[in-house]
């Protein structure tokens, strides 16, 4: 499992190796946020966190609202939105709360996965 964590770099990734975005939750634990098509084909990778879809994405919203400020980049939400929607929208165009709501809806509809990268 340690190999999986070391294969991903924190932050937004572009290009042919665009496997998603590693974010750190409020407890400092790494999670891979990726589109289903970009989910790594690794049998040791944990399943996506399905409980975050409950209550119309409320728990997904809480997950994104409380991401670690010290371990994630300051524009992590904007980067996640751009990755998930393949859009050039930035925080300047929408509020952070609006972007979090949109990202949470994508998690609720299985268009975005949150996969823990720890045991």
PDB file of N, CA and C in Angstrom:
ATOM      1  N   UNK A   1       0.813  -1.195   0.000  1.00  0.00           N
ATOM      2  CA  UNK A   1       0.000   0.000   0.000  1.00  0.00           C
ATOM      3  C   UNK A   1       0.861   1.265   0.000  1.00  0.00           C
ATOM      4  N   UNK A   2       2.018   1.204   0.604  1.00  0.00           N
ATOM      5  CA  UNK A   2       2.881   2.375   0.640  1.00  0.00           C
ATOM      6  C   UNK A   2       3.304   2.786  -0.764  1.00  0.00           C
ATOM      7  N   UNK A   3       3.422   1.821  -1.661  1.00  0.00           N
ATOM      8  CA  UNK A   3       3.810   2.137  -3.031  1.00  0.00           C
ATOM      9  C   UNK A   3       2.754   3.006  -3.705  1.00  0.00           C
ATOM     10  N   UNK A   4       1.492   2.745  -3.425  1.00  0.00           N
ATOM     11  CA  UNK A   4       0.412   3.536  -4.008  1.00  0.00           C
ATOM     12  C   UNK A   4       0.536   4.987  -3.580  1.00  0.00           C
ATOM     13  N   UNK A   5       0.729   5.205  -2.289  1.00  0.00           N
ATOM     14  CA  UNK A   5       0.842   6.561  -1.776  1.00  0.00           C
ATOM     15  C   UNK A   5       2.013   7.286  -2.424  1.00  0.00           C
ATOM     16  N   UNK A   6       3.121   6.591  -2.608  1.00  0.00           N
ATOM     17  CA  UNK A   6       4.296   7.218  -3.177  1.00  0.00           C
ATOM     18  C   UNK A   6       4.162   7.485  -4.674  1.00  0.00           C
ATOM     19  N   UNK A   7       3.253   6.799  -5.358  1.00  0.00           N
ATOM     20  CA  UNK A   7       3.066   7.027  -6.787  1.00  0.00           C
ATOM     21  C   UNK A   7       2.308   8.316  -7.074  1.00  0.00           C
ATOM     22  N   UNK A   8       1.542   8.805  -6.128  1.00  0.00           N
ATOM     23  CA  UNK A   8       0.753  10.014  -6.328  1.00  0.00           C
ATOM     24  C   UNK A   8       1.461  11.189  -5.694  1.00  0.00           C
ATOM     25  N   UNK A   9       1.413  12.307  -6.360  1.00  0.00           N
ATOM     26  CA  UNK A   9       1.981  13.523  -5.802  1.00  0.00           C
ATOM     27  C   UNK A   9       0.844  14.428  -5.387  1.00  0.00           C
ATOM     28  N   UNK A  10       1.074  15.181  -4.349  1.00  0.00           N
ATOM     29  CA  UNK A  10       0.059  16.109  -3.886  1.00  0.00           C
ATOM     30  C   UNK A  10      -0.154  17.192  -4.930  1.00  0.00           C
ATOM     31  N   UNK A  11      -1.393  17.546  -5.142  1.00  0.00           N
ATOM     32  CA  UNK A  11      -1.694  18.649  -6.032  1.00  0.00           C
ATOM     33  C   UNK A  11      -2.268  18.217  -7.360  1.00  0.00           C
ATOM     34  N   UNK A  12      -2.529  19.202  -8.183  1.00  0.00           N
ATOM     35  CA  UNK A  12      -3.173  19.020  -9.470  1.00  0.00           C
ATOM     36  C   UNK A  12      -2.172  18.484 -10.476  1.00  0.00           C
ATOM     37  N   UNK A  13      -2.579  17.514 -11.265  1.00  0.00           N
ATOM     38  CA  UNK A  13      -1.675  16.907 -12.249  1.00  0.00           C
ATOM     39  C   UNK A  13      -2.319  16.938 -13.614  1.00  0.00           C
ATOM     40  N   UNK A  14      -1.551  17.344 -14.603  1.00  0.00           N
ATOM     41  CA  UNK A  14      -2.033  17.399 -15.986  1.00  0.00           C
ATOM     42  C   UNK A  14      -1.305  16.384 -16.837  1.00  0.00           C
ATOM     43  N   UNK A  15      -1.799  16.185 -18.037  1.00  0.00           N
ATOM     44  CA  UNK A  15      -1.094  15.370 -19.008  1.00  0.00           C
ATOM     45  C   UNK A  15      -1.536  13.932 -19.012  1.00  0.00           C
ATOM     46  N   UNK A  16      -0.685  13.083 -19.581  1.00  0.00           N
ATOM     47  CA  UNK A  16      -1.040  11.688 -19.791  1.00  0.00           C
ATOM     48  C   UNK A  16      -1.177  10.930 -18.471  1.00  0.00           C
ATOM     49  N   UNK A  17      -0.500  11.376 -17.427  1.00  0.00           N
ATOM     50  CA  UNK A  17      -0.556  10.700 -16.133  1.00  0.00           C
ATOM     51  C   UNK A  17      -1.558  11.366 -15.194  1.00  0.00           C
ATOM     52  N   UNK A  18      -2.581  11.981 -15.739  1.00  0.00           N
ATOM     53  CA  UNK A  18      -3.567  12.696 -14.929  1.00  0.00           C
ATOM     54  C   UNK A  18      -4.496  11.689 -14.257  1.00  0.00           C
ATOM     55  N   UNK A  19      -4.081  11.186 -13.108  1.00  0.00           N
ATOM     56  CA  UNK A  19      -4.857  10.177 -12.395  1.00  0.00           C
ATOM     57  C   UNK A  19      -5.723  10.759 -11.304  1.00  0.00           C
ATOM     58  N   UNK A  20      -5.778  12.041 -11.182  1.00  0.00           N
ATOM     59  CA  UNK A  20      -6.593  12.651 -10.154  1.00  0.00           C
ATOM     60  C   UNK A  20      -5.809  13.647  -9.331  1.00  0.00           C
ATOM     61  N   UNK A  21      -6.270  13.812  -8.125  1.00  0.00           N
ATOM     62  CA  UNK A  21      -5.752  14.852  -7.261  1.00  0.00           C
ATOM     63  C   UNK A  21      -5.665  14.280  -5.848  1.00  0.00           C
ATOM     64  N   UNK A  22      -4.513  14.345  -5.234  1.00  0.00           N
ATOM     65  CA  UNK A  22      -4.360  13.877  -3.860  1.00  0.00           C
ATOM     66  C   UNK A  22      -4.629  15.045  -2.929  1.00  0.00           C
ATOM     67  N   UNK A  23      -5.573  14.836  -2.009  1.00  0.00           N
ATOM     68  CA  UNK A  23      -5.887  15.847  -1.004  1.00  0.00           C
ATOM     69  C   UNK A  23      -5.726  15.227   0.375  1.00  0.00           C
ATOM     70  N   UNK A  24      -5.568  16.089   1.357  1.00  0.00           N
ATOM     71  CA  UNK A  24      -5.401  15.636   2.734  1.00  0.00           C
ATOM     72  C   UNK A  24      -6.579  16.123   3.559  1.00  0.00           C
ATOM     73  N   UNK A  25      -7.228  15.177   4.244  1.00  0.00           N
ATOM     74  CA  UNK A  25      -8.390  15.510   5.061  1.00  0.00           C
ATOM     75  C   UNK A  25      -7.948  16.269   6.305  1.00  0.00           C
ATOM     76  N   UNK A  26      -8.898  16.639   7.125  1.00  0.00           N
ATOM     77  CA  UNK A  26      -8.607  17.419   8.325  1.00  0.00           C
ATOM     78  C   UNK A  26      -7.671  16.698   9.280  1.00  0.00           C
ATOM     79  N   UNK A  27      -7.555  15.376   9.171  1.00  0.00           N
ATOM     80  CA  UNK A  27      -6.672  14.601  10.041  1.00  0.00           C
ATOM     81  C   UNK A  27      -5.311  14.349   9.408  1.00  0.00           C
ATOM     82  N   UNK A  28      -5.081  14.899   8.216  1.00  0.00           N
ATOM     83  CA  UNK A  28      -3.801  14.747   7.541  1.00  0.00           C
ATOM     84  C   UNK A  28      -3.653  13.460   6.758  1.00  0.00           C
ATOM     85  N   UNK A  29      -4.751  12.730   6.551  1.00  0.00           N
ATOM     86  CA  UNK A  29      -4.703  11.467   5.816  1.00  0.00           C
ATOM     87  C   UNK A  29      -4.904  11.724   4.322  1.00  0.00           C
ATOM     88  N   UNK A  30      -4.119  11.080   3.464  1.00  0.00           N
ATOM     89  CA  UNK A  30      -4.228  11.325   2.023  1.00  0.00           C
ATOM     90  C   UNK A  30      -5.418  10.592   1.397  1.00  0.00           C
ATOM     91  N   UNK A  31      -6.058  11.253   0.460  1.00  0.00           N
ATOM     92  CA  UNK A  31      -7.167  10.686  -0.311  1.00  0.00           C
ATOM     93  C   UNK A  31      -6.955  11.046  -1.773  1.00  0.00           C
ATOM     94  N   UNK A  32      -7.247  10.116  -2.647  1.00  0.00           N
ATOM     95  CA  UNK A  32      -7.213  10.374  -4.081  1.00  0.00           C
ATOM     96  C   UNK A  32      -8.613  10.761  -4.523  1.00  0.00           C
ATOM     97  N   UNK A  33      -8.744  11.923  -5.141  1.00  0.00           N
ATOM     98  CA  UNK A  33     -10.007  12.356  -5.731  1.00  0.00           C
ATOM     99  C   UNK A  33      -9.828  12.223  -7.232  1.00  0.00           C
ATOM    100  N   UNK A  34     -10.639  11.337  -7.839  1.00  0.00           N
ATOM    101  CA  UNK A  34     -10.456  11.086  -9.274  1.00  0.00           C
ATOM    102  C   UNK A  34     -11.785  10.782  -9.951  1.00  0.00           C
ATOM    103  N   UNK A  35     -11.769  10.929 -11.253  1.00  0.00           N
ATOM    104  CA  UNK A  35     -12.908  10.509 -12.069  1.00  0.00           C
ATOM    105  C   UNK A  35     -12.891   8.987 -12.123  1.00  0.00           C
ATOM    106  N   UNK A  36     -14.052   8.350 -12.249  1.00  0.00           N
ATOM    107  CA  UNK A  36     -14.078   6.883 -12.311  1.00  0.00           C
ATOM    108  C   UNK A  36     -13.182   6.307 -13.411  1.00  0.00           C
ATOM    109  N   UNK A  37     -13.095   6.974 -14.532  1.00  0.00           N
ATOM    110  CA  UNK A  37     -12.268   6.474 -15.634  1.00  0.00           C
ATOM    111  C   UNK A  37     -10.778   6.543 -15.299  1.00  0.00           C
ATOM    112  N   UNK A  38     -10.397   7.422 -14.373  1.00  0.00           N
ATOM    113  CA  UNK A  38      -8.997   7.578 -13.974  1.00  0.00           C
ATOM    114  C   UNK A  38      -8.640   6.779 -12.733  1.00  0.00           C
ATOM    115  N   UNK A  39      -9.583   5.972 -12.244  1.00  0.00           N
ATOM    116  CA  UNK A  39      -9.299   5.186 -11.042  1.00  0.00           C
ATOM    117  C   UNK A  39      -8.169   4.209 -11.360  1.00  0.00           C
ATOM    118  N   UNK A  40      -7.101   4.219 -10.564  1.00  0.00           N
ATOM    119  CA  UNK A  40      -5.983   3.304 -10.830  1.00  0.00           C
ATOM    120  C   UNK A  40      -6.419   1.850 -10.768  1.00  0.00           C
ATOM    121  N   UNK A  41      -5.879   1.062 -11.657  1.00  0.00           N
ATOM    122  CA  UNK A  41      -6.195  -0.365 -11.711  1.00  0.00           C
ATOM    123  C   UNK A  41      -5.238  -1.104 -10.784  1.00  0.00           C
ATOM    124  N   UNK A  42      -5.521  -0.995  -9.485  1.00  0.00           N
ATOM    125  CA  UNK A  42      -4.661  -1.593  -8.468  1.00  0.00           C
ATOM    126  C   UNK A  42      -5.541  -2.376  -7.504  1.00  0.00           C
ATOM    127  N   UNK A  43      -5.367  -3.685  -7.423  1.00  0.00           N
ATOM    128  CA  UNK A  43      -6.237  -4.490  -6.557  1.00  0.00           C
ATOM    129  C   UNK A  43      -6.063  -4.181  -5.067  1.00  0.00           C
ATOM    130  N   UNK A  44      -4.951  -3.550  -4.696  1.00  0.00           N
ATOM    131  CA  UNK A  44      -4.737  -3.220  -3.289  1.00  0.00           C
ATOM    132  C   UNK A  44      -5.310  -1.862  -2.901  1.00  0.00           C
ATOM    133  N   UNK A  45      -5.797  -1.118  -3.884  1.00  0.00           N
ATOM    134  CA  UNK A  45      -6.366   0.196  -3.611  1.00  0.00           C
ATOM    135  C   UNK A  45      -7.709   0.037  -2.905  1.00  0.00           C
ATOM    136  N   UNK A  46      -7.916   0.811  -1.866  1.00  0.00           N
ATOM    137  CA  UNK A  46      -9.173   0.759  -1.121  1.00  0.00           C
ATOM    138  C   UNK A  46     -10.337   1.192  -2.008  1.00  0.00           C
ATOM    139  N   UNK A  47     -11.549   0.744  -1.684  1.00  0.00           N
ATOM    140  CA  UNK A  47     -12.715   1.212  -2.451  1.00  0.00           C
ATOM    141  C   UNK A  47     -13.007   2.680  -2.137  1.00  0.00           C
ATOM    142  N   UNK A  48     -13.745   3.318  -3.023  1.00  0.00           N
ATOM    143  CA  UNK A  48     -14.140   4.711  -2.809  1.00  0.00           C
ATOM    144  C   UNK A  48     -15.035   4.806  -1.578  1.00  0.00           C
ATOM    145  N   UNK A  49     -14.992   5.951  -0.922  1.00  0.00           N
ATOM    146  CA  UNK A  49     -15.786   6.176   0.285  1.00  0.00           C
ATOM    147  C   UNK A  49     -17.238   6.438  -0.116  1.00  0.00           C
ATOM    148  N   UNK A  50     -18.071   5.433  -0.022  1.00  0.00           N
ATOM    149  CA  UNK A  50     -19.463   5.568  -0.458  1.00  0.00           C
ATOM    150  C   UNK A  50     -20.325   6.316   0.549  1.00  0.00           C
ATOM    151  N   UNK A  51     -19.918   6.335   1.821  1.00  0.00           N
ATOM    152  CA  UNK A  51     -20.749   7.017   2.817  1.00  0.00           C
ATOM    153  C   UNK A  51     -20.778   8.534   2.613  1.00  0.00           C
ATOM    154  N   UNK A  52     -19.852   9.063   1.835  1.00  0.00           N
ATOM    155  CA  UNK A  52     -19.853  10.502   1.585  1.00  0.00           C
ATOM    156  C   UNK A  52     -21.015  10.935   0.695  1.00  0.00           C
ATOM    157  N   UNK A  53     -21.667   9.968   0.039  1.00  0.00           N
ATOM    158  CA  UNK A  53     -22.805  10.279  -0.833  1.00  0.00           C
ATOM    159  C   UNK A  53     -24.102  10.478  -0.044  1.00  0.00           C
ATOM    160  N   UNK A  54     -24.112  10.069   1.207  1.00  0.00           N
ATOM    161  CA  UNK A  54     -25.334  10.120   2.021  1.00  0.00           C
ATOM    162  C   UNK A  54     -25.816  11.558   2.208  1.00  0.00           C
ATOM    163  N   UNK A  55     -27.107  11.662   2.435  1.00  0.00           N
ATOM    164  CA  UNK A  55     -27.764  12.949   2.688  1.00  0.00           C
ATOM    165  C   UNK A  55     -27.489  13.965   1.578  1.00  0.00           C
ATOM    166  N   UNK A  56     -27.635  13.515   0.336  1.00  0.00           N
ATOM    167  CA  UNK A  56     -27.454  14.359  -0.847  1.00  0.00           C
ATOM    168  C   UNK A  56     -26.095  15.049  -0.881  1.00  0.00           C
ATOM    169  N   UNK A  57     -25.068  14.342  -0.449  1.00  0.00           N
ATOM    170  CA  UNK A  57     -23.722  14.875  -0.526  1.00  0.00           C
ATOM    171  C   UNK A  57     -23.298  15.731   0.658  1.00  0.00           C
ATOM    172  N   UNK A  58     -24.093  15.738   1.724  1.00  0.00           N
ATOM    173  CA  UNK A  58     -23.744  16.546   2.899  1.00  0.00           C
ATOM    174  C   UNK A  58     -22.365  16.163   3.442  1.00  0.00           C
ATOM    175  N   UNK A  59     -22.104  14.863   3.556  1.00  0.00           N
ATOM    176  CA  UNK A  59     -20.828  14.417   4.107  1.00  0.00           C
ATOM    177  C   UNK A  59     -19.668  14.713   3.155  1.00  0.00           C
ATOM    178  N   UNK A  60     -19.930  14.671   1.863  1.00  0.00           N
ATOM    179  CA  UNK A  60     -18.900  15.054   0.892  1.00  0.00           C
ATOM    180  C   UNK A  60     -18.592  16.550   1.039  1.00  0.00           C
ATOM    181  N   UNK A  61     -19.632  17.351   1.228  1.00  0.00           N
ATOM    182  CA  UNK A  61     -19.417  18.780   1.448  1.00  0.00           C
ATOM    183  C   UNK A  61     -18.555  19.006   2.681  1.00  0.00           C
ATOM    184  N   UNK A  62     -18.878  18.312   3.758  1.00  0.00           N
ATOM    185  CA  UNK A  62     -18.096  18.460   4.984  1.00  0.00           C
ATOM    186  C   UNK A  62     -16.649  18.029   4.768  1.00  0.00           C
ATOM    187  N   UNK A  63     -16.448  16.969   4.004  1.00  0.00           N
ATOM    188  CA  UNK A  63     -15.098  16.509   3.687  1.00  0.00           C
ATOM    189  C   UNK A  63     -14.308  17.617   2.995  1.00  0.00           C
ATOM    190  N   UNK A  64     -14.906  18.231   1.979  1.00  0.00           N
ATOM    191  CA  UNK A  64     -14.203  19.261   1.220  1.00  0.00           C
ATOM    192  C   UNK A  64     -14.052  20.566   2.003  1.00  0.00           C
ATOM    193  N   UNK A  65     -15.033  20.915   2.808  1.00  0.00           N
ATOM    194  CA  UNK A  65     -14.953  22.141   3.612  1.00  0.00           C
ATOM    195  C   UNK A  65     -13.805  22.052   4.612  1.00  0.00           C
ATOM    196  N   UNK A  66     -13.608  20.870   5.173  1.00  0.00           N
ATOM    197  CA  UNK A  66     -12.637  20.711   6.253  1.00  0.00           C
ATOM    198  C   UNK A  66     -11.326  20.066   5.801  1.00  0.00           C
ATOM    199  N   UNK A  67     -10.949  20.232   4.538  1.00  0.00           N
ATOM    200  CA  UNK A  67      -9.643  19.744   4.098  1.00  0.00           C
ATOM    201  C   UNK A  67      -8.554  20.480   4.871  1.00  0.00           C
ATOM    202  N   UNK A  68      -7.445  19.811   5.086  1.00  0.00           N
ATOM    203  CA  UNK A  68      -6.330  20.407   5.827  1.00  0.00           C
ATOM    204  C   UNK A  68      -5.794  21.633   5.100  1.00  0.00           C
ATOM    205  N   UNK A  69      -5.760  22.758   5.796  1.00  0.00           N
ATOM    206  CA  UNK A  69      -5.230  23.989   5.194  1.00  0.00           C
ATOM    207  C   UNK A  69      -3.718  23.939   5.042  1.00  0.00           C
ATOM    208  N   UNK A  70      -3.048  23.269   5.958  1.00  0.00           N
ATOM    209  CA  UNK A  70      -1.588  23.271   5.934  1.00  0.00           C
ATOM    210  C   UNK A  70      -1.003  22.266   4.934  1.00  0.00           C
ATOM    211  N   UNK A  71      -1.732  21.195   4.618  1.00  0.00           N
ATOM    212  CA  UNK A  71      -1.197  20.162   3.727  1.00  0.00           C
ATOM    213  C   UNK A  71      -1.650  20.301   2.274  1.00  0.00           C
ATOM    214  N   UNK A  72      -2.719  21.019   2.033  1.00  0.00           N
ATOM    215  CA  UNK A  72      -3.243  21.207   0.680  1.00  0.00           C
ATOM    216  C   UNK A  72      -2.900  22.598   0.174  1.00  0.00           C
ATOM    217  N   UNK A  73      -2.861  22.744  -1.137  1.00  0.00           N
ATOM    218  CA  UNK A  73      -2.628  24.072  -1.707  1.00  0.00           C
ATOM    219  C   UNK A  73      -3.846  24.949  -1.437  1.00  0.00           C
ATOM    220  N   UNK A  74      -3.649  26.239  -1.476  1.00  0.00           N
ATOM    221  CA  UNK A  74      -4.750  27.154  -1.147  1.00  0.00           C
ATOM    222  C   UNK A  74      -5.855  27.140  -2.202  1.00  0.00           C
ATOM    223  N   UNK A  75      -5.548  26.720  -3.415  1.00  0.00           N
ATOM    224  CA  UNK A  75      -6.560  26.672  -4.471  1.00  0.00           C
ATOM    225  C   UNK A  75      -6.977  25.236  -4.788  1.00  0.00           C
ATOM    226  N   UNK A  76      -6.945  24.368  -3.807  1.00  0.00           N
ATOM    227  CA  UNK A  76      -7.259  22.953  -4.015  1.00  0.00           C
ATOM    228  C   UNK A  76      -8.693  22.762  -4.520  1.00  0.00           C
ATOM    229  N   UNK A  77      -9.643  23.505  -3.999  1.00  0.00           N
ATOM    230  CA  UNK A  77     -11.042  23.351  -4.419  1.00  0.00           C
ATOM    231  C   UNK A  77     -11.208  23.764  -5.877  1.00  0.00           C
ATOM    232  N   UNK A  78     -10.612  24.872  -6.262  1.00  0.00           N
ATOM    233  CA  UNK A  78     -10.675  25.320  -7.648  1.00  0.00           C
ATOM    234  C   UNK A  78     -10.042  24.293  -8.582  1.00  0.00           C
ATOM    235  N   UNK A  79      -8.904  23.745  -8.174  1.00  0.00           N
ATOM    236  CA  UNK A  79      -8.229  22.729  -8.995  1.00  0.00           C
ATOM    237  C   UNK A  79      -9.064  21.462  -9.116  1.00  0.00           C
ATOM    238  N   UNK A  80      -9.699  21.041  -8.039  1.00  0.00           N
ATOM    239  CA  UNK A  80     -10.565  19.858  -8.089  1.00  0.00           C
ATOM    240  C   UNK A  80     -11.732  20.088  -9.040  1.00  0.00           C
ATOM    241  N   UNK A  81     -12.329  21.262  -8.973  1.00  0.00           N
ATOM    242  CA  UNK A  81     -13.457  21.573  -9.850  1.00  0.00           C
ATOM    243  C   UNK A  81     -13.014  21.557 -11.309  1.00  0.00           C
ATOM    244  N   UNK A  82     -11.875  22.175 -11.582  1.00  0.00           N
ATOM    245  CA  UNK A  82     -11.371  22.204 -12.952  1.00  0.00           C
ATOM    246  C   UNK A  82     -11.068  20.797 -13.450  1.00  0.00           C
ATOM    247  N   UNK A  83     -10.492  19.958 -12.603  1.00  0.00           N
ATOM    248  CA  UNK A  83     -10.203  18.574 -12.980  1.00  0.00           C
ATOM    249  C   UNK A  83     -11.494  17.796 -13.240  1.00  0.00           C
ATOM    250  N   UNK A  84     -12.451  17.911 -12.327  1.00  0.00           N
ATOM    251  CA  UNK A  84     -13.676  17.114 -12.414  1.00  0.00           C
ATOM    252  C   UNK A  84     -14.556  17.506 -13.584  1.00  0.00           C
ATOM    253  N   UNK A  85     -14.590  18.782 -13.905  1.00  0.00           N
ATOM    254  CA  UNK A  85     -15.478  19.254 -14.970  1.00  0.00           C
ATOM    255  C   UNK A  85     -14.737  19.538 -16.271  1.00  0.00           C
ATOM    256  N   UNK A  86     -13.396  19.424 -16.238  1.00  0.00           N
ATOM    257  CA  UNK A  86     -12.576  19.789 -17.401  1.00  0.00           C
ATOM    258  C   UNK A  86     -12.910  21.203 -17.843  1.00  0.00           C
ATOM    259  N   UNK A  87     -13.117  22.077 -16.852  1.00  0.00           N
ATOM    260  CA  UNK A  87     -13.512  23.455 -17.076  1.00  0.00           C
ATOM    261  C   UNK A  87     -12.394  24.389 -16.636  1.00  0.00           C
ATOM    262  N   UNK A  88     -12.397  25.595 -17.148  1.00  0.00           N
ATOM    263  CA  UNK A  88     -11.403  26.583 -16.751  1.00  0.00           C
ATOM    264  C   UNK A  88     -11.946  27.543 -15.704  1.00  0.00           C
ATOM    265  N   UNK A  89     -13.068  27.211 -15.098  1.00  0.00           N
ATOM    266  CA  UNK A  89     -13.655  28.057 -14.057  1.00  0.00           C
ATOM    267  C   UNK A  89     -12.694  28.135 -12.888  1.00  0.00           C
ATOM    268  N   UNK A  90     -12.540  29.322 -12.340  1.00  0.00           N
ATOM    269  CA  UNK A  90     -11.664  29.517 -11.186  1.00  0.00           C
ATOM    270  C   UNK A  90     -12.473  30.084 -10.023  1.00  0.00           C
ATOM    271  N   UNK A  91     -11.853  30.144  -8.883  1.00  0.00           N
ATOM    272  CA  UNK A  91     -12.541  30.688  -7.709  1.00  0.00           C
ATOM    273  C   UNK A  91     -12.997  32.120  -7.929  1.00  0.00           C
ATOM    274  N   UNK A  92     -12.343  32.846  -8.805  1.00  0.00           N
ATOM    275  CA  UNK A  92     -12.736  34.220  -9.085  1.00  0.00           C
ATOM    276  C   UNK A  92     -14.123  34.278  -9.737  1.00  0.00           C
ATOM    277  N   UNK A  93     -14.486  33.216 -10.462  1.00  0.00           N
ATOM    278  CA  UNK A  93     -15.773  33.190 -11.151  1.00  0.00           C
ATOM    279  C   UNK A  93     -16.915  32.746 -10.246  1.00  0.00           C
ATOM    280  N   UNK A  94     -16.620  31.907  -9.249  1.00  0.00           N
ATOM    281  CA  UNK A  94     -17.620  31.384  -8.321  1.00  0.00           C
ATOM    282  C   UNK A  94     -17.041  31.390  -6.917  1.00  0.00           C
ATOM    283  N   UNK A  95     -17.919  31.386  -5.938  1.00  0.00           N
ATOM    284  CA  UNK A  95     -17.430  31.327  -4.561  1.00  0.00           C
ATOM    285  C   UNK A  95     -16.939  29.914  -4.251  1.00  0.00           C
ATOM    286  N   UNK A  96     -16.117  29.813  -3.237  1.00  0.00           N
ATOM    287  CA  UNK A  96     -15.598  28.516  -2.814  1.00  0.00           C
ATOM    288  C   UNK A  96     -16.743  27.596  -2.400  1.00  0.00           C
ATOM    289  N   UNK A  97     -17.744  28.141  -1.738  1.00  0.00           N
ATOM    290  CA  UNK A  97     -18.905  27.338  -1.315  1.00  0.00           C
ATOM    291  C   UNK A  97     -19.667  26.772  -2.505  1.00  0.00           C
ATOM    292  N   UNK A  98     -19.802  27.554  -3.574  1.00  0.00           N
ATOM    293  CA  UNK A  98     -20.485  27.065  -4.779  1.00  0.00           C
ATOM    294  C   UNK A  98     -19.704  25.929  -5.426  1.00  0.00           C
ATOM    295  N   UNK A  99     -18.385  26.061  -5.473  1.00  0.00           N
ATOM    296  CA  UNK A  99     -17.562  25.010  -6.062  1.00  0.00           C
ATOM    297  C   UNK A  99     -17.629  23.738  -5.226  1.00  0.00           C
ATOM    298  N   UNK A 100     -17.603  23.880  -3.902  1.00  0.00           N
ATOM    299  CA  UNK A 100     -17.708  22.714  -3.019  1.00  0.00           C
ATOM    300  C   UNK A 100     -19.049  22.022  -3.213  1.00  0.00           C
ATOM    301  N   UNK A 101     -20.106  22.798  -3.355  1.00  0.00           N
ATOM    302  CA  UNK A 101     -21.426  22.208  -3.584  1.00  0.00           C
ATOM    303  C   UNK A 101     -21.458  21.421  -4.889  1.00  0.00           C
ATOM    304  N   UNK A 102     -20.877  21.977  -5.952  1.00  0.00           N
ATOM    305  CA  UNK A 102     -20.835  21.293  -7.245  1.00  0.00           C
ATOM    306  C   UNK A 102     -20.003  20.012  -7.172  1.00  0.00           C
ATOM    307  N   UNK A 103     -18.842  20.090  -6.524  1.00  0.00           N
ATOM    308  CA  UNK A 103     -17.978  18.911  -6.396  1.00  0.00           C
ATOM    309  C   UNK A 103     -18.692  17.828  -5.593  1.00  0.00           C
ATOM    310  N   UNK A 104     -19.393  18.233  -4.541  1.00  0.00           N
ATOM    311  CA  UNK A 104     -20.125  17.274  -3.705  1.00  0.00           C
ATOM    312  C   UNK A 104     -21.220  16.575  -4.491  1.00  0.00           C
ATOM    313  N   UNK A 105     -21.889  17.302  -5.368  1.00  0.00           N
ATOM    314  CA  UNK A 105     -22.905  16.680  -6.220  1.00  0.00           C
ATOM    315  C   UNK A 105     -22.285  15.652  -7.155  1.00  0.00           C
ATOM    316  N   UNK A 106     -21.086  15.920  -7.643  1.00  0.00           N
ATOM    317  CA  UNK A 106     -20.397  14.955  -8.500  1.00  0.00           C
ATOM    318  C   UNK A 106     -20.059  13.684  -7.718  1.00  0.00           C
ATOM    319  N   UNK A 107     -19.704  13.831  -6.444  1.00  0.00           N
ATOM    320  CA  UNK A 107     -19.443  12.661  -5.605  1.00  0.00           C
ATOM    321  C   UNK A 107     -20.734  11.879  -5.403  1.00  0.00           C
ATOM    322  N   UNK A 108     -21.833  12.581  -5.159  1.00  0.00           N
ATOM    323  CA  UNK A 108     -23.129  11.944  -4.924  1.00  0.00           C
ATOM    324  C   UNK A 108     -23.588  11.122  -6.126  1.00  0.00           C
ATOM    325  N   UNK A 109     -23.295  11.597  -7.322  1.00  0.00           N
ATOM    326  CA  UNK A 109     -23.739  10.912  -8.541  1.00  0.00           C
ATOM    327  C   UNK A 109     -22.675   9.960  -9.108  1.00  0.00           C
ATOM    328  N   UNK A 110     -21.655   9.652  -8.314  1.00  0.00           N
ATOM    329  CA  UNK A 110     -20.573   8.731  -8.711  1.00  0.00           C
ATOM    330  C   UNK A 110     -19.762   9.219  -9.900  1.00  0.00           C
ATOM    331  N   UNK A 111     -19.763  10.520 -10.161  1.00  0.00           N
ATOM    332  CA  UNK A 111     -18.954  11.052 -11.242  1.00  0.00           C
ATOM    333  C   UNK A 111     -17.581  11.480 -10.745  1.00  0.00           C
ATOM    334  N   UNK A 112     -17.396  11.418  -9.420  1.00  0.00           N
ATOM    335  CA  UNK A 112     -16.123  11.743  -8.801  1.00  0.00           C
ATOM    336  C   UNK A 112     -15.961  10.808  -7.607  1.00  0.00           C
ATOM    337  N   UNK A 113     -14.798  10.184  -7.504  1.00  0.00           N
ATOM    338  CA  UNK A 113     -14.531   9.226  -6.434  1.00  0.00           C
ATOM    339  C   UNK A 113     -13.559   9.814  -5.423  1.00  0.00           C
ATOM    340  N   UNK A 114     -13.743   9.448  -4.161  1.00  0.00           N
ATOM    341  CA  UNK A 114     -12.805   9.808  -3.107  1.00  0.00           C
ATOM    342  C   UNK A 114     -12.302   8.488  -2.519  1.00  0.00           C
ATOM    343  N   UNK A 115     -11.017   8.225  -2.727  1.00  0.00           N
ATOM    344  CA  UNK A 115     -10.426   6.946  -2.361  1.00  0.00           C
ATOM    345  C   UNK A 115      -9.351   7.183  -1.296  1.00  0.00           C
ATOM    346  N   UNK A 116      -9.477   6.530  -0.138  1.00  0.00           N
ATOM    347  CA  UNK A 116      -8.432   6.701   0.878  1.00  0.00           C
ATOM    348  C   UNK A 116      -7.129   6.022   0.433  1.00  0.00           C
ATOM    349  N   UNK A 117      -6.015   6.671   0.719  1.00  0.00           N
ATOM    350  CA  UNK A 117      -4.705   6.139   0.342  1.00  0.00           C
ATOM    351  C   UNK A 117      -3.918   5.712   1.577  1.00  0.00           C
ATOM    352  N   UNK A 118      -4.625   5.248   2.581  1.00  0.00           N
ATOM    353  CA  UNK A 118      -3.983   4.786   3.808  1.00  0.00           C
ATOM    354  C   UNK A 118      -4.633   3.456   4.185  1.00  0.00           C
ATOM    355  N   UNK A 119      -4.005   2.730   5.080  1.00  0.00           N
ATOM    356  CA  UNK A 119      -4.544   1.420   5.455  1.00  0.00           C
ATOM    357  C   UNK A 119      -5.500   1.537   6.610  1.00  0.00           C
TER     358      UNK A 119
END
